Amino acid sequence: MIRLILSAIILAVLAPSPSFGSDKFLDFKKYATQKLLKPFAKDLGGVIGAGTFHTGRSLGFPGVDVGGHFGVQTKPDQENEILKNAKIKTFGIPMVQGEIGLPYSFDVILRGISYEKITLVGGGLRYGLFKWAAVPFAPGVAISGFAHSLTHTDFSLSQLSGNIAVDLAIPVIYPYVGFGVDRSRIKVNRANDASIVDTQVSAQGTRATVGINLKPLPLVYLHGAFTSINGNSGYEGGLGVKF
């Protein structure tokens, strides 16, 4: 398992660019129908939610964490015919993220990205249920909630995520597991099927994640994980500085 997760970290550093390098949603306008909006929103909401956590601990006041994170789904859901018809396989969303530790075990988190025809902004709060204890193998548990807004030329999507994460303070390698719930609402801006313009549809989904953090240098961390997004395989990762 550790070897597999280390492979995910390598993917986190080397492999995400093909998943983000072009507009994966370019053909939304062409293939969108009323029936296909829900599975599309469910997939997109899941990859936005992926990467929202990589630890079961709050930063602690006055901690700071700045980095880049992403979530990737290795293929569209079976019912997501918008992406399947567009011949899209792997797809995901990268984000730049900043976190600030507050008193009483709270963290405030801001995240976003703008590239191609996509602009995504979001933010959230994390609460550490267990305070940090500098003891080997000490567990940490944190809950978090996020809200995101994504705009694209052809559609817009609002998304809410809730997560619970558990980690272990094992020296060098900090393993973590987590579970998340996503709720997304899509609005059609443009479509070849004029009857669905301005239509809004909601979808819900879940995520389960297992991963590790590595600290190759003081203050620097890498994280990589395998994740199940609504039952579909995916991975997530990131690189950042924490102090």
C-alpha atoms as a PDB file:
ATOM      1  CA  MET A   1       0.000   0.000   0.000  1.00  0.00           C
ATOM      2  CA  ILE A   2       2.811   2.437   0.890  1.00  0.00           C
ATOM      3  CA  ARG A   3       4.436   1.768  -2.485  1.00  0.00           C
ATOM      4  CA  LEU A   4       1.152   2.511  -4.246  1.00  0.00           C
ATOM      5  CA  ILE A   5       0.707   5.766  -2.369  1.00  0.00           C
ATOM      6  CA  LEU A   6       4.306   6.779  -3.101  1.00  0.00           C
ATOM      7  CA  SER A   7       3.425   6.227  -6.757  1.00  0.00           C
ATOM      8  CA  ALA A   8       0.523   8.621  -6.261  1.00  0.00           C
ATOM      9  CA  ILE A   9       2.915  11.264  -4.956  1.00  0.00           C
ATOM     10  CA  ILE A  10       5.065  10.852  -8.058  1.00  0.00           C
ATOM     11  CA  LEU A  11       1.908  11.293 -10.123  1.00  0.00           C
ATOM     12  CA  ALA A  12       1.113  14.361  -8.025  1.00  0.00           C
ATOM     13  CA  VAL A  13       4.332  16.001  -9.151  1.00  0.00           C
ATOM     14  CA  LEU A  14       4.763  14.721 -12.695  1.00  0.00           C
ATOM     15  CA  ALA A  15       1.429  13.659 -14.137  1.00  0.00           C
ATOM     16  CA  PRO A  16      -1.339  16.187 -13.518  1.00  0.00           C
ATOM     17  CA  SER A  17      -0.613  18.600 -16.371  1.00  0.00           C
ATOM     18  CA  PRO A  18      -2.237  16.493 -19.145  1.00  0.00           C
ATOM     19  CA  SER A  19      -5.408  16.436 -17.045  1.00  0.00           C
ATOM     20  CA  PHE A  20      -5.507  20.251 -16.866  1.00  0.00           C
ATOM     21  CA  GLY A  21      -3.627  21.437 -19.949  1.00  0.00           C
ATOM     22  CA  SER A  22      -6.651  21.958 -22.176  1.00  0.00           C
ATOM     23  CA  ASP A  23     -10.320  22.798 -21.764  1.00  0.00           C
ATOM     24  CA  LYS A  24     -11.824  19.419 -20.867  1.00  0.00           C
ATOM     25  CA  PHE A  25     -15.289  20.961 -21.003  1.00  0.00           C
ATOM     26  CA  LEU A  26     -14.980  22.472 -24.476  1.00  0.00           C
ATOM     27  CA  ASP A  27     -17.736  20.221 -25.881  1.00  0.00           C
ATOM     28  CA  PHE A  28     -20.205  20.754 -23.038  1.00  0.00           C
ATOM     29  CA  LYS A  29     -22.267  23.035 -25.263  1.00  0.00           C
ATOM     30  CA  LYS A  30     -22.402  20.395 -27.987  1.00  0.00           C
ATOM     31  CA  TYR A  31     -23.425  17.363 -25.920  1.00  0.00           C
ATOM     32  CA  ALA A  32     -25.384  18.804 -22.985  1.00  0.00           C
ATOM     33  CA  THR A  33     -28.983  17.640 -22.552  1.00  0.00           C
ATOM     34  CA  GLN A  34     -31.360  17.829 -19.600  1.00  0.00           C
ATOM     35  CA  LYS A  35     -30.738  14.171 -18.724  1.00  0.00           C
ATOM     36  CA  LEU A  36     -26.945  14.466 -18.793  1.00  0.00           C
ATOM     37  CA  LEU A  37     -26.544  17.540 -16.581  1.00  0.00           C
ATOM     38  CA  LYS A  38     -26.759  15.682 -13.250  1.00  0.00           C
ATOM     39  CA  PRO A  39     -23.951  13.129 -13.850  1.00  0.00           C
ATOM     40  CA  PHE A  40     -21.751  15.896 -15.284  1.00  0.00           C
ATOM     41  CA  ALA A  41     -22.307  18.065 -12.194  1.00  0.00           C
ATOM     42  CA  LYS A  42     -21.672  15.080  -9.918  1.00  0.00           C
ATOM     43  CA  ASP A  43     -18.298  14.313 -11.530  1.00  0.00           C
ATOM     44  CA  LEU A  44     -17.180  17.937 -11.574  1.00  0.00           C
ATOM     45  CA  GLY A  45     -18.237  18.509  -7.976  1.00  0.00           C
ATOM     46  CA  GLY A  46     -16.261  15.446  -6.932  1.00  0.00           C
ATOM     47  CA  VAL A  47     -12.955  16.539  -8.458  1.00  0.00           C
ATOM     48  CA  ILE A  48     -13.379  20.006  -6.922  1.00  0.00           C
ATOM     49  CA  GLY A  49     -13.915  18.390  -3.531  1.00  0.00           C
ATOM     50  CA  ALA A  50     -10.900  16.111  -3.968  1.00  0.00           C
ATOM     51  CA  GLY A  51      -7.763  17.689  -2.571  1.00  0.00           C
ATOM     52  CA  THR A  52      -9.588  19.764   0.054  1.00  0.00           C
ATOM     53  CA  PHE A  53      -7.741  17.944   2.852  1.00  0.00           C
ATOM     54  CA  HIS A  54      -4.483  16.098   3.410  1.00  0.00           C
ATOM     55  CA  THR A  55      -4.264  16.129   7.191  1.00  0.00           C
ATOM     56  CA  GLY A  56      -6.331  15.454  10.280  1.00  0.00           C
ATOM     57  CA  ARG A  57      -4.936  18.456  12.170  1.00  0.00           C
ATOM     58  CA  SER A  58      -5.423  22.179  12.334  1.00  0.00           C
ATOM     59  CA  LEU A  59      -2.416  24.417  11.710  1.00  0.00           C
ATOM     60  CA  GLY A  60      -2.506  26.059  15.101  1.00  0.00           C
ATOM     61  CA  PHE A  61      -2.199  29.790  15.638  1.00  0.00           C
ATOM     62  CA  PRO A  62      -0.426  31.527  13.898  1.00  0.00           C
ATOM     63  CA  GLY A  63       0.402  28.804  11.349  1.00  0.00           C
ATOM     64  CA  VAL A  64       0.530  29.389   7.584  1.00  0.00           C
ATOM     65  CA  ASP A  65       0.294  26.878   4.718  1.00  0.00           C
ATOM     66  CA  VAL A  66       0.669  27.880   1.049  1.00  0.00           C
ATOM     67  CA  GLY A  67       0.666  25.381  -1.804  1.00  0.00           C
ATOM     68  CA  GLY A  68      -0.845  23.893  -4.918  1.00  0.00           C
ATOM     69  CA  HIS A  69      -3.323  21.006  -4.782  1.00  0.00           C
ATOM     70  CA  PHE A  70      -5.429  19.050  -7.237  1.00  0.00           C
ATOM     71  CA  GLY A  71      -7.984  16.294  -7.620  1.00  0.00           C
ATOM     72  CA  VAL A  72      -8.197  14.015 -10.666  1.00  0.00           C
ATOM     73  CA  GLN A  73     -10.729  11.424 -11.803  1.00  0.00           C
ATOM     74  CA  THR A  74      -9.254   8.784 -14.102  1.00  0.00           C
ATOM     75  CA  LYS A  75     -12.375   8.493 -16.256  1.00  0.00           C
ATOM     76  CA  PRO A  76     -15.886   9.973 -16.396  1.00  0.00           C
ATOM     77  CA  ASP A  77     -18.708   8.209 -14.604  1.00  0.00           C
ATOM     78  CA  GLN A  78     -20.556   5.699 -16.749  1.00  0.00           C
ATOM     79  CA  GLU A  79     -23.554   8.047 -16.919  1.00  0.00           C
ATOM     80  CA  ASN A  80     -21.500  11.171 -17.712  1.00  0.00           C
ATOM     81  CA  GLU A  81     -22.023  11.008 -21.451  1.00  0.00           C
ATOM     82  CA  ILE A  82     -21.094  14.659 -21.939  1.00  0.00           C
ATOM     83  CA  LEU A  83     -17.431  13.895 -21.238  1.00  0.00           C
ATOM     84  CA  LYS A  84     -17.590  10.379 -22.672  1.00  0.00           C
ATOM     85  CA  ASN A  85     -18.970  11.652 -25.987  1.00  0.00           C
ATOM     86  CA  ALA A  86     -16.237  14.307 -25.994  1.00  0.00           C
ATOM     87  CA  LYS A  87     -13.636  11.489 -25.688  1.00  0.00           C
ATOM     88  CA  ILE A  88     -12.384  12.866 -22.364  1.00  0.00           C
ATOM     89  CA  LYS A  89     -10.648  10.333 -20.162  1.00  0.00           C
ATOM     90  CA  THR A  90      -8.654  11.727 -17.232  1.00  0.00           C
ATOM     91  CA  PHE A  91      -9.814  15.124 -15.983  1.00  0.00           C
ATOM     92  CA  GLY A  92      -9.374  17.277 -12.897  1.00  0.00           C
ATOM     93  CA  ILE A  93      -9.032  20.682 -11.297  1.00  0.00           C
ATOM     94  CA  PRO A  94      -5.805  22.224  -9.898  1.00  0.00           C
ATOM     95  CA  MET A  95      -5.889  24.959  -7.276  1.00  0.00           C
ATOM     96  CA  VAL A  96      -3.633  27.388  -5.476  1.00  0.00           C
ATOM     97  CA  GLN A  97      -4.444  27.316  -1.775  1.00  0.00           C
ATOM     98  CA  GLY A  98      -3.564  29.411   1.254  1.00  0.00           C
ATOM     99  CA  GLU A  99      -4.358  28.567   4.881  1.00  0.00           C
ATOM    100  CA  ILE A 100      -4.041  30.558   8.088  1.00  0.00           C
ATOM    101  CA  GLY A 101      -4.248  29.059  11.557  1.00  0.00           C
ATOM    102  CA  LEU A 102      -6.608  30.776  13.988  1.00  0.00           C
ATOM    103  CA  PRO A 103      -7.038  30.423  17.747  1.00  0.00           C
ATOM    104  CA  TYR A 104      -9.142  27.589  19.164  1.00  0.00           C
ATOM    105  CA  SER A 105      -8.029  25.013  16.561  1.00  0.00           C
ATOM    106  CA  PHE A 106      -9.688  26.717  13.576  1.00  0.00           C
ATOM    107  CA  ASP A 107      -8.092  27.310  10.161  1.00  0.00           C
ATOM    108  CA  VAL A 108      -9.394  29.565   7.403  1.00  0.00           C
ATOM    109  CA  ILE A 109      -8.661  28.397   3.847  1.00  0.00           C
ATOM    110  CA  LEU A 110      -8.813  30.234   0.512  1.00  0.00           C
ATOM    111  CA  ARG A 111      -8.333  28.502  -2.834  1.00  0.00           C
ATOM    112  CA  GLY A 112      -8.781  29.195  -6.528  1.00  0.00           C
ATOM    113  CA  ILE A 113      -7.512  29.022 -10.099  1.00  0.00           C
ATOM    114  CA  SER A 114      -8.094  30.658 -13.484  1.00  0.00           C
ATOM    115  CA  TYR A 115      -7.005  29.002 -16.745  1.00  0.00           C
ATOM    116  CA  GLU A 116      -8.422  28.291 -20.179  1.00  0.00           C
ATOM    117  CA  LYS A 117     -12.142  29.195 -19.875  1.00  0.00           C
ATOM    118  CA  ILE A 118     -12.392  28.238 -16.199  1.00  0.00           C
ATOM    119  CA  THR A 119     -12.335  30.444 -13.120  1.00  0.00           C
ATOM    120  CA  LEU A 120     -12.755  28.786  -9.744  1.00  0.00           C
ATOM    121  CA  VAL A 121     -12.784  30.457  -6.340  1.00  0.00           C
ATOM    122  CA  GLY A 122     -13.521  28.903  -2.992  1.00  0.00           C
ATOM    123  CA  GLY A 123     -12.877  28.880   0.689  1.00  0.00           C
ATOM    124  CA  GLY A 124     -13.578  27.018   3.863  1.00  0.00           C
ATOM    125  CA  LEU A 125     -12.958  26.355   7.526  1.00  0.00           C
ATOM    126  CA  ARG A 126     -11.203  23.475   9.256  1.00  0.00           C
ATOM    127  CA  TYR A 127     -11.590  22.540  12.908  1.00  0.00           C
ATOM    128  CA  GLY A 128      -9.150  20.235  14.665  1.00  0.00           C
ATOM    129  CA  LEU A 129     -11.119  17.986  16.989  1.00  0.00           C
ATOM    130  CA  PHE A 130      -7.910  16.735  18.602  1.00  0.00           C
ATOM    131  CA  LYS A 131      -5.190  19.215  19.485  1.00  0.00           C
ATOM    132  CA  TRP A 132      -1.673  18.703  18.119  1.00  0.00           C
ATOM    133  CA  ALA A 133       0.529  16.591  20.366  1.00  0.00           C
ATOM    134  CA  ALA A 134       4.182  16.109  19.381  1.00  0.00           C
ATOM    135  CA  VAL A 135       4.069  12.400  20.182  1.00  0.00           C
ATOM    136  CA  PRO A 136       4.950   9.702  17.602  1.00  0.00           C
ATOM    137  CA  PHE A 137       1.876   7.927  16.228  1.00  0.00           C
ATOM    138  CA  ALA A 138      -0.502  10.375  17.914  1.00  0.00           C
ATOM    139  CA  PRO A 139      -3.751  10.529  15.903  1.00  0.00           C
ATOM    140  CA  GLY A 140      -5.367  13.713  14.699  1.00  0.00           C
ATOM    141  CA  VAL A 141      -8.962  14.253  13.613  1.00  0.00           C
ATOM    142  CA  ALA A 142     -10.320  17.293  11.788  1.00  0.00           C
ATOM    143  CA  ILE A 143     -13.554  18.296  10.101  1.00  0.00           C
ATOM    144  CA  SER A 144     -13.816  20.871   7.330  1.00  0.00           C
ATOM    145  CA  GLY A 145     -16.351  22.575   5.119  1.00  0.00           C
ATOM    146  CA  PHE A 146     -15.861  24.364   1.794  1.00  0.00           C
ATOM    147  CA  ALA A 147     -17.835  26.392  -0.722  1.00  0.00           C
ATOM    148  CA  HIS A 148     -16.723  26.837  -4.344  1.00  0.00           C
ATOM    149  CA  SER A 149     -17.937  28.740  -7.375  1.00  0.00           C
ATOM    150  CA  LEU A 150     -16.792  27.733 -10.867  1.00  0.00           C
ATOM    151  CA  THR A 151     -17.547  29.722 -13.994  1.00  0.00           C
ATOM    152  CA  HIS A 152     -17.060  28.533 -17.562  1.00  0.00           C
ATOM    153  CA  THR A 153     -18.163  30.107 -20.811  1.00  0.00           C
ATOM    154  CA  ASP A 154     -20.912  27.506 -21.217  1.00  0.00           C
ATOM    155  CA  PHE A 155     -21.951  26.792 -17.625  1.00  0.00           C
ATOM    156  CA  SER A 156     -21.485  27.745 -13.999  1.00  0.00           C
ATOM    157  CA  LEU A 157     -21.342  25.489 -10.968  1.00  0.00           C
ATOM    158  CA  SER A 158     -21.637  26.070  -7.228  1.00  0.00           C
ATOM    159  CA  GLN A 159     -20.324  23.383  -4.909  1.00  0.00           C
ATOM    160  CA  LEU A 160     -20.334  22.594  -1.185  1.00  0.00           C
ATOM    161  CA  SER A 161     -18.067  20.023   0.476  1.00  0.00           C
ATOM    162  CA  GLY A 162     -17.911  18.545   3.960  1.00  0.00           C
ATOM    163  CA  ASN A 163     -15.005  16.362   5.111  1.00  0.00           C
ATOM    164  CA  ILE A 164     -13.681  14.383   8.043  1.00  0.00           C
ATOM    165  CA  ALA A 165     -10.013  13.343   8.065  1.00  0.00           C
ATOM    166  CA  VAL A 166      -7.850  11.241  10.380  1.00  0.00           C
ATOM    167  CA  ASP A 167      -4.043  11.070  10.333  1.00  0.00           C
ATOM    168  CA  LEU A 168      -1.188   9.565  12.340  1.00  0.00           C
ATOM    169  CA  ALA A 169       1.975  11.427  13.380  1.00  0.00           C
ATOM    170  CA  ILE A 170       4.399   8.799  12.105  1.00  0.00           C
ATOM    171  CA  PRO A 171       7.875  10.324  11.622  1.00  0.00           C
ATOM    172  CA  VAL A 172       8.691  11.198   7.982  1.00  0.00           C
ATOM    173  CA  ILE A 173       5.465   9.663   6.628  1.00  0.00           C
ATOM    174  CA  TYR A 174       2.147  11.032   7.842  1.00  0.00           C
ATOM    175  CA  PRO A 175      -0.622   8.736   6.575  1.00  0.00           C
ATOM    176  CA  TYR A 176      -4.195   9.972   6.408  1.00  0.00           C
ATOM    177  CA  VAL A 177      -7.654   8.753   5.500  1.00  0.00           C
ATOM    178  CA  GLY A 178     -10.786  10.764   4.960  1.00  0.00           C
ATOM    179  CA  PHE A 179     -14.359  10.873   3.769  1.00  0.00           C
ATOM    180  CA  GLY A 180     -16.174  13.702   2.032  1.00  0.00           C
ATOM    181  CA  VAL A 181     -19.629  14.639   0.797  1.00  0.00           C
ATOM    182  CA  ASP A 182     -20.172  17.018  -2.124  1.00  0.00           C
ATOM    183  CA  ARG A 183     -23.270  18.852  -3.293  1.00  0.00           C
ATOM    184  CA  SER A 184     -23.145  20.640  -6.654  1.00  0.00           C
ATOM    185  CA  ARG A 185     -25.553  22.803  -8.611  1.00  0.00           C
ATOM    186  CA  ILE A 186     -24.983  23.497 -12.302  1.00  0.00           C
ATOM    187  CA  LYS A 187     -26.525  26.227 -14.441  1.00  0.00           C
ATOM    188  CA  VAL A 188     -26.391  26.115 -18.240  1.00  0.00           C
ATOM    189  CA  ASN A 189     -25.212  29.331 -19.891  1.00  0.00           C
ATOM    190  CA  ARG A 190     -24.937  28.149 -23.493  1.00  0.00           C
ATOM    191  CA  ALA A 191     -25.951  24.937 -25.265  1.00  0.00           C
ATOM    192  CA  ASN A 192     -26.835  23.741 -28.729  1.00  0.00           C
ATOM    193  CA  ASP A 193     -30.100  22.550 -27.175  1.00  0.00           C
ATOM    194  CA  ALA A 194     -31.612  25.983 -26.545  1.00  0.00           C
ATOM    195  CA  SER A 195     -34.349  24.514 -24.340  1.00  0.00           C
ATOM    196  CA  ILE A 196     -31.883  23.853 -21.484  1.00  0.00           C
ATOM    197  CA  VAL A 197     -30.274  27.313 -21.360  1.00  0.00           C
ATOM    198  CA  ASP A 198     -30.663  28.700 -17.796  1.00  0.00           C
ATOM    199  CA  THR A 199     -31.634  25.238 -16.532  1.00  0.00           C
ATOM    200  CA  GLN A 200     -30.325  24.413 -13.040  1.00  0.00           C
ATOM    201  CA  VAL A 201     -29.752  20.870 -11.766  1.00  0.00           C
ATOM    202  CA  SER A 202     -28.328  19.598  -8.450  1.00  0.00           C
ATOM    203  CA  ALA A 203     -26.284  16.480  -7.707  1.00  0.00           C
ATOM    204  CA  GLN A 204     -24.738  14.859  -4.636  1.00  0.00           C
ATOM    205  CA  GLY A 205     -21.750  12.560  -4.289  1.00  0.00           C
ATOM    206  CA  THR A 206     -19.197  11.098  -1.898  1.00  0.00           C
ATOM    207  CA  ARG A 207     -15.424  10.658  -1.707  1.00  0.00           C
ATOM    208  CA  ALA A 208     -13.116   8.308   0.206  1.00  0.00           C
ATOM    209  CA  THR A 209      -9.374   8.967   0.366  1.00  0.00           C
ATOM    210  CA  VAL A 210      -6.215   7.265   1.636  1.00  0.00           C
ATOM    211  CA  GLY A 211      -2.853   8.982   1.301  1.00  0.00           C
ATOM    212  CA  ILE A 212       0.407  10.110   2.862  1.00  0.00           C
ATOM    213  CA  ASN A 213       2.362  13.304   3.461  1.00  0.00           C
ATOM    214  CA  LEU A 214       6.133  13.444   3.004  1.00  0.00           C
ATOM    215  CA  LYS A 215       8.525  16.161   4.191  1.00  0.00           C
ATOM    216  CA  PRO A 216      11.549  16.152   1.841  1.00  0.00           C
ATOM    217  CA  LEU A 217      12.837  19.460   3.256  1.00  0.00           C
ATOM    218  CA  PRO A 218      12.193  21.515   6.372  1.00  0.00           C
ATOM    219  CA  LEU A 219       8.856  23.333   6.008  1.00  0.00           C
ATOM    220  CA  VAL A 220       8.188  21.640   2.624  1.00  0.00           C
ATOM    221  CA  TYR A 221       5.652  18.846   2.194  1.00  0.00           C
ATOM    222  CA  LEU A 222       4.349  16.616  -0.579  1.00  0.00           C
ATOM    223  CA  HIS A 223       1.110  14.698  -0.376  1.00  0.00           C
ATOM    224  CA  GLY A 224      -0.429  12.095  -2.626  1.00  0.00           C
ATOM    225  CA  ALA A 225      -3.492   9.898  -2.317  1.00  0.00           C
ATOM    226  CA  PHE A 226      -5.754   7.489  -4.050  1.00  0.00           C
ATOM    227  CA  THR A 227      -9.390   8.509  -3.893  1.00  0.00           C
ATOM    228  CA  SER A 228     -12.756   7.078  -4.827  1.00  0.00           C
ATOM    229  CA  ILE A 229     -14.969   9.791  -6.305  1.00  0.00           C
ATOM    230  CA  ASN A 230     -18.566   8.594  -6.433  1.00  0.00           C
ATOM    231  CA  GLY A 231     -17.230   5.065  -6.873  1.00  0.00           C
ATOM    232  CA  ASN A 232     -14.820   6.063  -9.661  1.00  0.00           C
ATOM    233  CA  SER A 233     -11.048   5.860  -9.232  1.00  0.00           C
ATOM    234  CA  GLY A 234      -8.970   8.996  -8.908  1.00  0.00           C
ATOM    235  CA  TYR A 235      -5.951  10.519  -7.247  1.00  0.00           C
ATOM    236  CA  GLU A 236      -5.029  13.775  -5.615  1.00  0.00           C
ATOM    237  CA  GLY A 237      -1.890  15.485  -4.482  1.00  0.00           C
ATOM    238  CA  GLY A 238      -0.027  18.658  -3.835  1.00  0.00           C
ATOM    239  CA  LEU A 239       3.128  20.499  -2.860  1.00  0.00           C
ATOM    240  CA  GLY A 240       3.385  23.243  -0.298  1.00  0.00           C
ATOM    241  CA  VAL A 241       5.221  25.117   2.418  1.00  0.00           C
ATOM    242  CA  LYS A 242       3.987  25.045   6.007  1.00  0.00           C
ATOM    243  CA  PHE A 243       5.312  27.013   8.941  1.00  0.00           C
END
